[in-house]
Amino acid sequence: MIIHPDEGNQLAAPSSALCQHVRSVATARIHERTGNVGPAILGEVRETLALLMDL
């Protein structure tokens, strides 16, 4: 899923949510926030994950 930059998400470049590559990441490895996708895109990511995981 490609996420394009806009005023709401504050992304500097197009980004992608790789829903088919789910993995855990330690919070200590996350140094700074690069943007915020907002509730609409987050909902799309959640729906895609639910479909992929057959939930």
PDB file of N, CA and C in Angstrom:
ATOM      1  N   MET A   1       0.849  -1.158   0.000  1.00  0.00           N
ATOM      2  CA  MET A   1       0.000   0.000   0.000  1.00  0.00           C
ATOM      3  C   MET A   1       0.901   1.228   0.000  1.00  0.00           C
ATOM      4  N   ILE A   2       0.771   2.068  -1.022  1.00  0.00           N
ATOM      5  CA  ILE A   2       1.574   3.283  -1.136  1.00  0.00           C
ATOM      6  C   ILE A   2       0.860   4.427  -0.416  1.00  0.00           C
ATOM      7  N   ILE A   3       1.624   5.171   0.368  1.00  0.00           N
ATOM      8  CA  ILE A   3       1.095   6.329   1.095  1.00  0.00           C
ATOM      9  C   ILE A   3       1.840   7.561   0.588  1.00  0.00           C
ATOM     10  N   HIS A   4       1.104   8.452  -0.063  1.00  0.00           N
ATOM     11  CA  HIS A   4       1.701   9.653  -0.642  1.00  0.00           C
ATOM     12  C   HIS A   4       1.724  10.780   0.388  1.00  0.00           C
ATOM     13  N   PRO A   5       2.765  11.604   0.355  1.00  0.00           N
ATOM     14  CA  PRO A   5       2.861  12.719   1.305  1.00  0.00           C
ATOM     15  C   PRO A   5       1.743  13.736   1.090  1.00  0.00           C
ATOM     16  N   ASP A   6       1.265  14.294   2.174  1.00  0.00           N
ATOM     17  CA  ASP A   6       0.320  15.411   2.134  1.00  0.00           C
ATOM     18  C   ASP A   6       0.472  16.215   3.417  1.00  0.00           C
ATOM     19  N   GLU A   7      -0.288  17.269   3.533  1.00  0.00           N
ATOM     20  CA  GLU A   7      -0.176  18.134   4.722  1.00  0.00           C
ATOM     21  C   GLU A   7      -0.555  17.402   5.996  1.00  0.00           C
ATOM     22  N   GLY A   8      -1.475  16.458   5.905  1.00  0.00           N
ATOM     23  CA  GLY A   8      -1.947  15.748   7.088  1.00  0.00           C
ATOM     24  C   GLY A   8      -0.969  14.731   7.637  1.00  0.00           C
ATOM     25  N   ASN A   9      -0.236  14.023   6.753  1.00  0.00           N
ATOM     26  CA  ASN A   9       0.632  12.952   7.253  1.00  0.00           C
ATOM     27  C   ASN A   9       2.078  13.393   7.473  1.00  0.00           C
ATOM     28  N   GLN A  10       2.466  14.540   6.973  1.00  0.00           N
ATOM     29  CA  GLN A  10       3.801  15.111   7.181  1.00  0.00           C
ATOM     30  C   GLN A  10       4.932  14.229   6.669  1.00  0.00           C
ATOM     31  N   LEU A  11       4.664  13.352   5.711  1.00  0.00           N
ATOM     32  CA  LEU A  11       5.717  12.523   5.133  1.00  0.00           C
ATOM     33  C   LEU A  11       6.526  13.348   4.140  1.00  0.00           C
ATOM     34  N   ALA A  12       7.831  13.105   4.069  1.00  0.00           N
ATOM     35  CA  ALA A  12       8.698  13.834   3.147  1.00  0.00           C
ATOM     36  C   ALA A  12       8.710  13.193   1.767  1.00  0.00           C
ATOM     37  N   ALA A  13       8.405  11.909   1.690  1.00  0.00           N
ATOM     38  CA  ALA A  13       8.449  11.167   0.422  1.00  0.00           C
ATOM     39  C   ALA A  13       7.383  10.088   0.454  1.00  0.00           C
ATOM     40  N   PRO A  14       7.001   9.570  -0.715  1.00  0.00           N
ATOM     41  CA  PRO A  14       6.049   8.453  -0.723  1.00  0.00           C
ATOM     42  C   PRO A  14       6.585   7.288   0.122  1.00  0.00           C
ATOM     43  N   SER A  15       5.702   6.681   0.869  1.00  0.00           N
ATOM     44  CA  SER A  15       6.068   5.573   1.752  1.00  0.00           C
ATOM     45  C   SER A  15       5.159   4.393   1.446  1.00  0.00           C
ATOM     46  N   SER A  16       5.482   3.252   2.004  1.00  0.00           N
ATOM     47  CA  SER A  16       4.631   2.088   1.781  1.00  0.00           C
ATOM     48  C   SER A  16       4.438   1.309   3.065  1.00  0.00           C
ATOM     49  N   ALA A  17       3.255   0.739   3.193  1.00  0.00           N
ATOM     50  CA  ALA A  17       2.947  -0.168   4.298  1.00  0.00           C
ATOM     51  C   ALA A  17       2.957  -1.574   3.699  1.00  0.00           C
ATOM     52  N   LEU A  18       3.922  -2.370   4.069  1.00  0.00           N
ATOM     53  CA  LEU A  18       4.076  -3.725   3.527  1.00  0.00           C
ATOM     54  C   LEU A  18       3.273  -4.691   4.388  1.00  0.00           C
ATOM     55  N   CYS A  19       1.977  -4.727   4.165  1.00  0.00           N
ATOM     56  CA  CYS A  19       1.074  -5.507   5.003  1.00  0.00           C
ATOM     57  C   CYS A  19       1.350  -7.004   4.937  1.00  0.00           C
ATOM     58  N   GLN A  20       1.927  -7.467   3.841  1.00  0.00           N
ATOM     59  CA  GLN A  20       2.215  -8.893   3.714  1.00  0.00           C
ATOM     60  C   GLN A  20       3.520  -9.286   4.416  1.00  0.00           C
ATOM     61  N   HIS A  21       4.244  -8.307   4.973  1.00  0.00           N
ATOM     62  CA  HIS A  21       5.503  -8.562   5.672  1.00  0.00           C
ATOM     63  C   HIS A  21       5.401  -8.111   7.126  1.00  0.00           C
ATOM     64  N   VAL A  22       4.533  -8.728   7.892  1.00  0.00           N
ATOM     65  CA  VAL A  22       4.315  -8.348   9.286  1.00  0.00           C
ATOM     66  C   VAL A  22       5.499  -8.813  10.130  1.00  0.00           C
ATOM     67  N   ARG A  23       5.995  -7.928  10.971  1.00  0.00           N
ATOM     68  CA  ARG A  23       7.083  -8.285  11.887  1.00  0.00           C
ATOM     69  C   ARG A  23       7.039  -7.358  13.099  1.00  0.00           C
ATOM     70  N   SER A  24       7.646  -7.774  14.152  1.00  0.00           N
ATOM     71  CA  SER A  24       7.702  -6.922  15.337  1.00  0.00           C
ATOM     72  C   SER A  24       9.012  -6.132  15.325  1.00  0.00           C
ATOM     73  N   VAL A  25       8.965  -4.955  15.912  1.00  0.00           N
ATOM     74  CA  VAL A  25      10.140  -4.098  16.006  1.00  0.00           C
ATOM     75  C   VAL A  25      10.205  -3.566  17.429  1.00  0.00           C
ATOM     76  N   ALA A  26      11.358  -3.680  18.042  1.00  0.00           N
ATOM     77  CA  ALA A  26      11.542  -3.155  19.400  1.00  0.00           C
ATOM     78  C   ALA A  26      11.390  -1.634  19.383  1.00  0.00           C
ATOM     79  N   THR A  27      10.659  -1.098  20.334  1.00  0.00           N
ATOM     80  CA  THR A  27      10.460   0.348  20.390  1.00  0.00           C
ATOM     81  C   THR A  27      11.777   1.100  20.572  1.00  0.00           C
ATOM     82  N   ALA A  28      12.791   0.455  21.123  1.00  0.00           N
ATOM     83  CA  ALA A  28      14.098   1.093  21.299  1.00  0.00           C
ATOM     84  C   ALA A  28      14.759   1.398  19.947  1.00  0.00           C
ATOM     85  N   ARG A  29      14.341   0.674  18.886  1.00  0.00           N
ATOM     86  CA  ARG A  29      14.918   0.905  17.557  1.00  0.00           C
ATOM     87  C   ARG A  29      14.256   2.065  16.827  1.00  0.00           C
ATOM     88  N   ILE A  30      13.172   2.586  17.369  1.00  0.00           N
ATOM     89  CA  ILE A  30      12.467   3.695  16.739  1.00  0.00           C
ATOM     90  C   ILE A  30      12.943   4.986  17.388  1.00  0.00           C
ATOM     91  N   HIS A  31      13.652   5.806  16.612  1.00  0.00           N
ATOM     92  CA  HIS A  31      14.275   7.007  17.172  1.00  0.00           C
ATOM     93  C   HIS A  31      13.415   8.251  17.030  1.00  0.00           C
ATOM     94  N   GLU A  32      12.712   8.379  15.911  1.00  0.00           N
ATOM     95  CA  GLU A  32      11.883   9.561  15.716  1.00  0.00           C
ATOM     96  C   GLU A  32      10.713   9.234  14.798  1.00  0.00           C
ATOM     97  N   ARG A  33       9.667   9.979  14.931  1.00  0.00           N
ATOM     98  CA  ARG A  33       8.484   9.813  14.084  1.00  0.00           C
ATOM     99  C   ARG A  33       8.716  10.559  12.778  1.00  0.00           C
ATOM    100  N   THR A  34       8.438   9.899  11.672  1.00  0.00           N
ATOM    101  CA  THR A  34       8.621  10.550  10.368  1.00  0.00           C
ATOM    102  C   THR A  34       7.314  11.057   9.782  1.00  0.00           C
ATOM    103  N   GLY A  35       6.190  10.677  10.357  1.00  0.00           N
ATOM    104  CA  GLY A  35       4.905  11.127   9.866  1.00  0.00           C
ATOM    105  C   GLY A  35       3.780  10.433  10.610  1.00  0.00           C
ATOM    106  N   ASN A  36       2.554  10.747  10.217  1.00  0.00           N
ATOM    107  CA  ASN A  36       1.379  10.174  10.853  1.00  0.00           C
ATOM    108  C   ASN A  36       0.351   9.921   9.757  1.00  0.00           C
ATOM    109  N   VAL A  37      -0.029   8.661   9.540  1.00  0.00           N
ATOM    110  CA  VAL A  37      -0.911   8.339   8.421  1.00  0.00           C
ATOM    111  C   VAL A  37      -2.352   8.760   8.647  1.00  0.00           C
ATOM    112  N   GLY A  38      -2.766   8.941   9.880  1.00  0.00           N
ATOM    113  CA  GLY A  38      -4.134   9.356  10.160  1.00  0.00           C
ATOM    114  C   GLY A  38      -5.103   8.187  10.168  1.00  0.00           C
ATOM    115  N   PRO A  39      -6.321   8.435  10.616  1.00  0.00           N
ATOM    116  CA  PRO A  39      -7.289   7.353  10.821  1.00  0.00           C
ATOM    117  C   PRO A  39      -7.760   6.664   9.539  1.00  0.00           C
ATOM    118  N   ALA A  40      -7.854   7.381   8.427  1.00  0.00           N
ATOM    119  CA  ALA A  40      -8.348   6.770   7.181  1.00  0.00           C
ATOM    120  C   ALA A  40      -7.365   5.736   6.640  1.00  0.00           C
ATOM    121  N   ILE A  41      -6.100   6.111   6.515  1.00  0.00           N
ATOM    122  CA  ILE A  41      -5.090   5.182   6.005  1.00  0.00           C
ATOM    123  C   ILE A  41      -4.872   4.050   7.000  1.00  0.00           C
ATOM    124  N   LEU A  42      -4.848   4.362   8.292  1.00  0.00           N
ATOM    125  CA  LEU A  42      -4.687   3.324   9.310  1.00  0.00           C
ATOM    126  C   LEU A  42      -5.817   2.299   9.208  1.00  0.00           C
ATOM    127  N   GLY A  43      -7.024   2.762   8.957  1.00  0.00           N
ATOM    128  CA  GLY A  43      -8.154   1.850   8.765  1.00  0.00           C
ATOM    129  C   GLY A  43      -7.955   0.945   7.570  1.00  0.00           C
ATOM    130  N   GLU A  44      -7.415   1.488   6.465  1.00  0.00           N
ATOM    131  CA  GLU A  44      -7.131   0.676   5.279  1.00  0.00           C
ATOM    132  C   GLU A  44      -6.066  -0.375   5.579  1.00  0.00           C
ATOM    133  N   VAL A  45      -5.037   0.012   6.319  1.00  0.00           N
ATOM    134  CA  VAL A  45      -3.981  -0.936   6.695  1.00  0.00           C
ATOM    135  C   VAL A  45      -4.570  -2.048   7.564  1.00  0.00           C
ATOM    136  N   ARG A  46      -5.396  -1.692   8.524  1.00  0.00           N
ATOM    137  CA  ARG A  46      -6.019  -2.694   9.404  1.00  0.00           C
ATOM    138  C   ARG A  46      -6.909  -3.648   8.610  1.00  0.00           C
ATOM    139  N   GLU A  47      -7.685  -3.115   7.664  1.00  0.00           N
ATOM    140  CA  GLU A  47      -8.546  -3.969   6.841  1.00  0.00           C
ATOM    141  C   GLU A  47      -7.710  -4.937   6.000  1.00  0.00           C
ATOM    142  N   THR A  48      -6.633  -4.442   5.422  1.00  0.00           N
ATOM    143  CA  THR A  48      -5.750  -5.289   4.614  1.00  0.00           C
ATOM    144  C   THR A  48      -5.122  -6.374   5.464  1.00  0.00           C
ATOM    145  N   LEU A  49      -4.647  -6.011   6.662  1.00  0.00           N
ATOM    146  CA  LEU A  49      -4.067  -7.012   7.561  1.00  0.00           C
ATOM    147  C   LEU A  49      -5.095  -8.073   7.948  1.00  0.00           C
ATOM    148  N   ALA A  50      -6.319  -7.650   8.221  1.00  0.00           N
ATOM    149  CA  ALA A  50      -7.371  -8.600   8.588  1.00  0.00           C
ATOM    150  C   ALA A  50      -7.649  -9.575   7.444  1.00  0.00           C
ATOM    151  N   LEU A  51      -7.653  -9.078   6.212  1.00  0.00           N
ATOM    152  CA  LEU A  51      -7.866  -9.965   5.064  1.00  0.00           C
ATOM    153  C   LEU A  51      -6.715 -10.955   4.903  1.00  0.00           C
ATOM    154  N   LEU A  52      -5.497 -10.454   5.033  1.00  0.00           N
ATOM    155  CA  LEU A  52      -4.318 -11.314   4.870  1.00  0.00           C
ATOM    156  C   LEU A  52      -4.221 -12.371   5.967  1.00  0.00           C
ATOM    157  N   MET A  53      -4.655 -12.027   7.167  1.00  0.00           N
ATOM    158  CA  MET A  53      -4.559 -12.948   8.301  1.00  0.00           C
ATOM    159  C   MET A  53      -5.833 -13.759   8.492  1.00  0.00           C
ATOM    160  N   ASP A  54      -6.786 -13.554   7.596  1.00  0.00           N
ATOM    161  CA  ASP A  54      -8.048 -14.295   7.640  1.00  0.00           C
ATOM    162  C   ASP A  54      -8.768 -14.121   8.972  1.00  0.00           C
ATOM    163  N   LEU A  55      -8.855 -12.854   9.424  1.00  0.00           N
ATOM    164  CA  LEU A  55      -9.527 -12.542  10.695  1.00  0.00           C
ATOM    165  C   LEU A  55     -10.935 -12.074  10.462  1.00  0.00           C
TER     166      LEU A  55
END
